[in-house]
Amino acid sequence: MGPVNRRKLGLLFVISALALLLILIFMKSDIDREQVFLCEAVASNPDLDMEDCPAHNNNISWLLVVAFGIVFLFLGFGTYMIFAPMKKEEKEITPQAVDTSNLSEEEKRICDLLKQNSGSMYQSDLIKETGYSKVQMTRALDKLEGRKIIDRRRRGMTNIVILR
């Protein structure tokens, strides 16, 4: 889901939660007025005990608590969807054509290996494939990086080499 769709969905959740919250507030105030009226009616009648009051024998208060809880969950989820940082979508690496006419044999071999492996390889795997020493590989990669042909990114104890 893209960032725009995610934010729109979050906004929809927040607006829906706020609308439900307003409805619940009005319902709660109306129910409170009815319950007060019932309690006063029971209290004014000497034949009835407060335990007979219908306001004390229903589960509406618990249902309202659950409804308010659900509304606040929706509100929190919507807010999270709007403001949470987006994950960077990693784009697929597509190696571009490299002008190898002015490269040394070592550099050409490295570029060819990178092309054969979808444009990226670990530096340690390049050393294994080519048989070059670590120093030779580092120097060749430094030259290629200086010419903006490759990028190196740190991955644990090694680098991943990416063809630009």
C-alpha atoms as a PDB file:
ATOM      1  CA  MET A   1       0.000   0.000   0.000  1.00  0.00           C
ATOM      2  CA  GLY A   2       1.473   3.331  -1.030  1.00  0.00           C
ATOM      3  CA  PRO A   3       1.989   6.249   1.333  1.00  0.00           C
ATOM      4  CA  VAL A   4      -0.944   8.228  -0.088  1.00  0.00           C
ATOM      5  CA  ASN A   5      -3.390   5.317   0.182  1.00  0.00           C
ATOM      6  CA  ARG A   6      -2.195   4.509   3.685  1.00  0.00           C
ATOM      7  CA  ARG A   7      -2.668   8.082   4.851  1.00  0.00           C
ATOM      8  CA  LYS A   8      -6.121   8.261   3.232  1.00  0.00           C
ATOM      9  CA  LEU A   9      -7.126   5.055   4.978  1.00  0.00           C
ATOM     10  CA  GLY A  10      -5.822   6.442   8.287  1.00  0.00           C
ATOM     11  CA  LEU A  11      -7.754   9.658   7.752  1.00  0.00           C
ATOM     12  CA  LEU A  12     -10.897   7.631   7.037  1.00  0.00           C
ATOM     13  CA  PHE A  13     -10.416   5.734  10.315  1.00  0.00           C
ATOM     14  CA  VAL A  14      -9.898   8.965  12.286  1.00  0.00           C
ATOM     15  CA  ILE A  15     -12.953  10.687  10.768  1.00  0.00           C
ATOM     16  CA  SER A  16     -15.111   7.597  11.317  1.00  0.00           C
ATOM     17  CA  ALA A  17     -13.910   7.291  14.919  1.00  0.00           C
ATOM     18  CA  LEU A  18     -14.645  10.951  15.632  1.00  0.00           C
ATOM     19  CA  ALA A  19     -18.142  10.641  14.141  1.00  0.00           C
ATOM     20  CA  LEU A  20     -18.820   7.528  16.235  1.00  0.00           C
ATOM     21  CA  LEU A  21     -17.428   9.294  19.299  1.00  0.00           C
ATOM     22  CA  LEU A  22     -19.878  12.172  18.859  1.00  0.00           C
ATOM     23  CA  ILE A  23     -22.779   9.749  18.433  1.00  0.00           C
ATOM     24  CA  LEU A  24     -21.719   7.850  21.559  1.00  0.00           C
ATOM     25  CA  ILE A  25     -21.433  11.057  23.588  1.00  0.00           C
ATOM     26  CA  PHE A  26     -24.968  12.081  22.632  1.00  0.00           C
ATOM     27  CA  MET A  27     -26.260   8.572  23.379  1.00  0.00           C
ATOM     28  CA  LYS A  28     -24.502   8.535  26.752  1.00  0.00           C
ATOM     29  CA  SER A  29     -25.960  11.891  27.806  1.00  0.00           C
ATOM     30  CA  ASP A  30     -29.458  10.787  26.705  1.00  0.00           C
ATOM     31  CA  ILE A  31     -29.188   7.472  28.561  1.00  0.00           C
ATOM     32  CA  ASP A  32     -27.904   9.285  31.678  1.00  0.00           C
ATOM     33  CA  ARG A  33     -30.931  11.617  31.628  1.00  0.00           C
ATOM     34  CA  GLU A  34     -33.297   8.645  31.288  1.00  0.00           C
ATOM     35  CA  GLN A  35     -31.604   6.778  34.122  1.00  0.00           C
ATOM     36  CA  VAL A  36     -31.735   9.802  36.426  1.00  0.00           C
ATOM     37  CA  PHE A  37     -35.441  10.181  35.661  1.00  0.00           C
ATOM     38  CA  LEU A  38     -36.059   6.479  36.415  1.00  0.00           C
ATOM     39  CA  CYS A  39     -34.091   6.649  39.691  1.00  0.00           C
ATOM     40  CA  GLU A  40     -36.007   9.748  40.793  1.00  0.00           C
ATOM     41  CA  ALA A  41     -39.313   8.058  39.928  1.00  0.00           C
ATOM     42  CA  VAL A  42     -38.376   4.960  41.943  1.00  0.00           C
ATOM     43  CA  ALA A  43     -37.117   7.064  44.868  1.00  0.00           C
ATOM     44  CA  SER A  44     -40.371   9.063  45.002  1.00  0.00           C
ATOM     45  CA  ASN A  45     -42.489   5.887  45.178  1.00  0.00           C
ATOM     46  CA  PRO A  46     -42.456   4.475  48.735  1.00  0.00           C
ATOM     47  CA  ASP A  47     -43.570   1.026  47.503  1.00  0.00           C
ATOM     48  CA  LEU A  48     -40.419   0.530  45.393  1.00  0.00           C
ATOM     49  CA  ASP A  49     -36.879  -0.163  46.533  1.00  0.00           C
ATOM     50  CA  MET A  50     -33.830   1.193  44.656  1.00  0.00           C
ATOM     51  CA  GLU A  51     -32.951  -2.368  43.635  1.00  0.00           C
ATOM     52  CA  ASP A  52     -36.172  -2.356  41.590  1.00  0.00           C
ATOM     53  CA  CYS A  53     -34.947   0.587  39.513  1.00  0.00           C
ATOM     54  CA  PRO A  54     -34.529  -0.473  35.851  1.00  0.00           C
ATOM     55  CA  ALA A  55     -31.528   1.844  35.509  1.00  0.00           C
ATOM     56  CA  HIS A  56     -29.575  -0.349  37.951  1.00  0.00           C
ATOM     57  CA  ASN A  57     -30.480  -3.636  36.257  1.00  0.00           C
ATOM     58  CA  ASN A  58     -29.209  -3.165  32.697  1.00  0.00           C
ATOM     59  CA  ASN A  59     -25.892  -3.646  30.934  1.00  0.00           C
ATOM     60  CA  ILE A  60     -25.942  -0.433  28.913  1.00  0.00           C
ATOM     61  CA  SER A  61     -23.041   1.103  30.856  1.00  0.00           C
ATOM     62  CA  TRP A  62     -20.805  -1.863  30.007  1.00  0.00           C
ATOM     63  CA  LEU A  63     -21.822  -1.735  26.356  1.00  0.00           C
ATOM     64  CA  LEU A  64     -20.964   1.960  26.260  1.00  0.00           C
ATOM     65  CA  VAL A  65     -17.549   1.310  27.793  1.00  0.00           C
ATOM     66  CA  VAL A  66     -16.847  -1.323  25.116  1.00  0.00           C
ATOM     67  CA  ALA A  67     -18.099   1.004  22.366  1.00  0.00           C
ATOM     68  CA  PHE A  68     -15.885   3.853  23.604  1.00  0.00           C
ATOM     69  CA  GLY A  69     -12.933   1.429  23.727  1.00  0.00           C
ATOM     70  CA  ILE A  70     -13.501   0.367  20.110  1.00  0.00           C
ATOM     71  CA  VAL A  71     -13.774   4.000  19.015  1.00  0.00           C
ATOM     72  CA  PHE A  72     -10.466   4.840  20.705  1.00  0.00           C
ATOM     73  CA  LEU A  73      -8.814   1.820  19.055  1.00  0.00           C
ATOM     74  CA  PHE A  74     -10.024   3.064  15.657  1.00  0.00           C
ATOM     75  CA  LEU A  75      -8.786   6.543  16.497  1.00  0.00           C
ATOM     76  CA  GLY A  76      -5.369   5.228  17.530  1.00  0.00           C
ATOM     77  CA  PHE A  77      -5.058   2.980  14.484  1.00  0.00           C
ATOM     78  CA  GLY A  78      -6.027   5.822  12.152  1.00  0.00           C
ATOM     79  CA  THR A  79      -3.527   8.169  13.779  1.00  0.00           C
ATOM     80  CA  TYR A  80      -0.823   5.524  13.462  1.00  0.00           C
ATOM     81  CA  MET A  81      -1.629   5.036   9.766  1.00  0.00           C
ATOM     82  CA  ILE A  82      -1.366   8.772   9.149  1.00  0.00           C
ATOM     83  CA  PHE A  83       1.816   9.555  11.080  1.00  0.00           C
ATOM     84  CA  ALA A  84       3.854   6.316  11.167  1.00  0.00           C
ATOM     85  CA  PRO A  85       7.026   6.393   9.092  1.00  0.00           C
ATOM     86  CA  MET A  86       6.833   4.613   5.782  1.00  0.00           C
ATOM     87  CA  LYS A  87       9.127   1.731   4.977  1.00  0.00           C
ATOM     88  CA  LYS A  88      11.399   2.498   2.124  1.00  0.00           C
ATOM     89  CA  GLU A  89      10.489   0.244  -0.716  1.00  0.00           C
ATOM     90  CA  GLU A  90      13.646  -1.228  -2.124  1.00  0.00           C
ATOM     91  CA  LYS A  91      13.611  -0.887  -5.844  1.00  0.00           C
ATOM     92  CA  GLU A  92      14.831  -3.715  -7.991  1.00  0.00           C
ATOM     93  CA  ILE A  93      18.368  -3.217  -9.154  1.00  0.00           C
ATOM     94  CA  THR A  94      18.702  -3.082 -12.914  1.00  0.00           C
ATOM     95  CA  PRO A  95      22.302  -2.789 -14.020  1.00  0.00           C
ATOM     96  CA  GLN A  96      22.969  -0.167 -16.638  1.00  0.00           C
ATOM     97  CA  ALA A  97      25.329  -0.438 -19.553  1.00  0.00           C
ATOM     98  CA  VAL A  98      28.897   0.315 -18.516  1.00  0.00           C
ATOM     99  CA  ASP A  99      31.536   1.676 -20.882  1.00  0.00           C
ATOM    100  CA  THR A 100      34.363  -0.805 -20.337  1.00  0.00           C
ATOM    101  CA  SER A 101      36.700   0.587 -22.992  1.00  0.00           C
ATOM    102  CA  ASN A 102      38.834   2.551 -20.522  1.00  0.00           C
ATOM    103  CA  LEU A 103      38.795  -0.043 -17.700  1.00  0.00           C
ATOM    104  CA  SER A 104      41.601  -2.391 -16.722  1.00  0.00           C
ATOM    105  CA  GLU A 105      41.163  -6.159 -17.087  1.00  0.00           C
ATOM    106  CA  GLU A 106      40.517  -6.492 -13.331  1.00  0.00           C
ATOM    107  CA  GLU A 107      37.819  -3.827 -13.446  1.00  0.00           C
ATOM    108  CA  LYS A 108      36.205  -5.365 -16.550  1.00  0.00           C
ATOM    109  CA  ARG A 109      36.083  -8.774 -14.874  1.00  0.00           C
ATOM    110  CA  ILE A 110      34.446  -7.303 -11.767  1.00  0.00           C
ATOM    111  CA  CYS A 111      31.839  -5.489 -13.891  1.00  0.00           C
ATOM    112  CA  ASP A 112      31.101  -8.666 -15.850  1.00  0.00           C
ATOM    113  CA  LEU A 113      30.610 -10.664 -12.639  1.00  0.00           C
ATOM    114  CA  LEU A 114      28.270  -8.010 -11.284  1.00  0.00           C
ATOM    115  CA  LYS A 115      26.232  -8.055 -14.517  1.00  0.00           C
ATOM    116  CA  GLN A 116      25.982 -11.859 -14.352  1.00  0.00           C
ATOM    117  CA  ASN A 117      24.683 -11.660 -10.759  1.00  0.00           C
ATOM    118  CA  SER A 118      21.819  -9.168 -11.284  1.00  0.00           C
ATOM    119  CA  GLY A 119      24.002  -6.154 -10.616  1.00  0.00           C
ATOM    120  CA  SER A 120      25.110  -6.893  -7.059  1.00  0.00           C
ATOM    121  CA  MET A 121      27.416  -9.211  -5.140  1.00  0.00           C
ATOM    122  CA  TYR A 122      29.105  -9.333  -1.782  1.00  0.00           C
ATOM    123  CA  GLN A 123      32.697  -8.130  -1.894  1.00  0.00           C
ATOM    124  CA  SER A 124      33.837 -11.407  -0.304  1.00  0.00           C
ATOM    125  CA  ASP A 125      32.115 -13.362  -3.105  1.00  0.00           C
ATOM    126  CA  LEU A 126      33.833 -11.192  -5.713  1.00  0.00           C
ATOM    127  CA  ILE A 127      37.190 -12.052  -4.113  1.00  0.00           C
ATOM    128  CA  LYS A 128      36.348 -15.774  -4.243  1.00  0.00           C
ATOM    129  CA  GLU A 129      35.167 -15.630  -7.867  1.00  0.00           C
ATOM    130  CA  THR A 130      38.093 -13.603  -9.194  1.00  0.00           C
ATOM    131  CA  GLY A 131      40.866 -14.985  -7.023  1.00  0.00           C
ATOM    132  CA  TYR A 132      42.129 -11.448  -6.418  1.00  0.00           C
ATOM    133  CA  SER A 133      43.602 -10.564  -3.063  1.00  0.00           C
ATOM    134  CA  LYS A 134      41.666  -8.311  -0.696  1.00  0.00           C
ATOM    135  CA  VAL A 135      44.039  -5.458  -1.463  1.00  0.00           C
ATOM    136  CA  GLN A 136      43.669  -5.910  -5.257  1.00  0.00           C
ATOM    137  CA  MET A 137      39.876  -6.039  -4.922  1.00  0.00           C
ATOM    138  CA  THR A 138      39.721  -2.952  -2.699  1.00  0.00           C
ATOM    139  CA  ARG A 139      41.890  -0.940  -5.088  1.00  0.00           C
ATOM    140  CA  ALA A 140      39.856  -1.998  -8.132  1.00  0.00           C
ATOM    141  CA  LEU A 141      36.576  -1.240  -6.364  1.00  0.00           C
ATOM    142  CA  ASP A 142      37.920   2.147  -5.217  1.00  0.00           C
ATOM    143  CA  LYS A 143      38.658   3.043  -8.872  1.00  0.00           C
ATOM    144  CA  LEU A 144      35.230   1.830 -10.030  1.00  0.00           C
ATOM    145  CA  GLU A 145      33.504   3.734  -7.247  1.00  0.00           C
ATOM    146  CA  GLY A 146      35.495   6.864  -8.128  1.00  0.00           C
ATOM    147  CA  ARG A 147      34.234   6.588 -11.706  1.00  0.00           C
ATOM    148  CA  LYS A 148      30.679   6.205 -10.405  1.00  0.00           C
ATOM    149  CA  ILE A 149      30.294   2.725 -11.900  1.00  0.00           C
ATOM    150  CA  ILE A 150      29.599   0.940  -8.608  1.00  0.00           C
ATOM    151  CA  ASP A 151      28.402   1.634  -5.069  1.00  0.00           C
ATOM    152  CA  ARG A 152      29.540  -0.181  -1.935  1.00  0.00           C
ATOM    153  CA  ARG A 153      27.232  -0.554   1.055  1.00  0.00           C
ATOM    154  CA  ARG A 154      28.201  -2.041   4.394  1.00  0.00           C
ATOM    155  CA  ARG A 155      26.440  -5.337   5.221  1.00  0.00           C
ATOM    156  CA  GLY A 156      27.655  -6.884   8.447  1.00  0.00           C
ATOM    157  CA  MET A 157      31.307  -7.837   8.146  1.00  0.00           C
ATOM    158  CA  THR A 158      31.462  -7.293   4.383  1.00  0.00           C
ATOM    159  CA  ASN A 159      30.297  -4.893   1.690  1.00  0.00           C
ATOM    160  CA  ILE A 160      27.716  -5.425  -0.976  1.00  0.00           C
ATOM    161  CA  VAL A 161      28.905  -4.097  -4.334  1.00  0.00           C
ATOM    162  CA  ILE A 162      26.151  -2.698  -6.570  1.00  0.00           C
ATOM    163  CA  LEU A 163      26.489  -1.832 -10.224  1.00  0.00           C
ATOM    164  CA  ARG A 164      24.962   1.587 -10.873  1.00  0.00           C
END
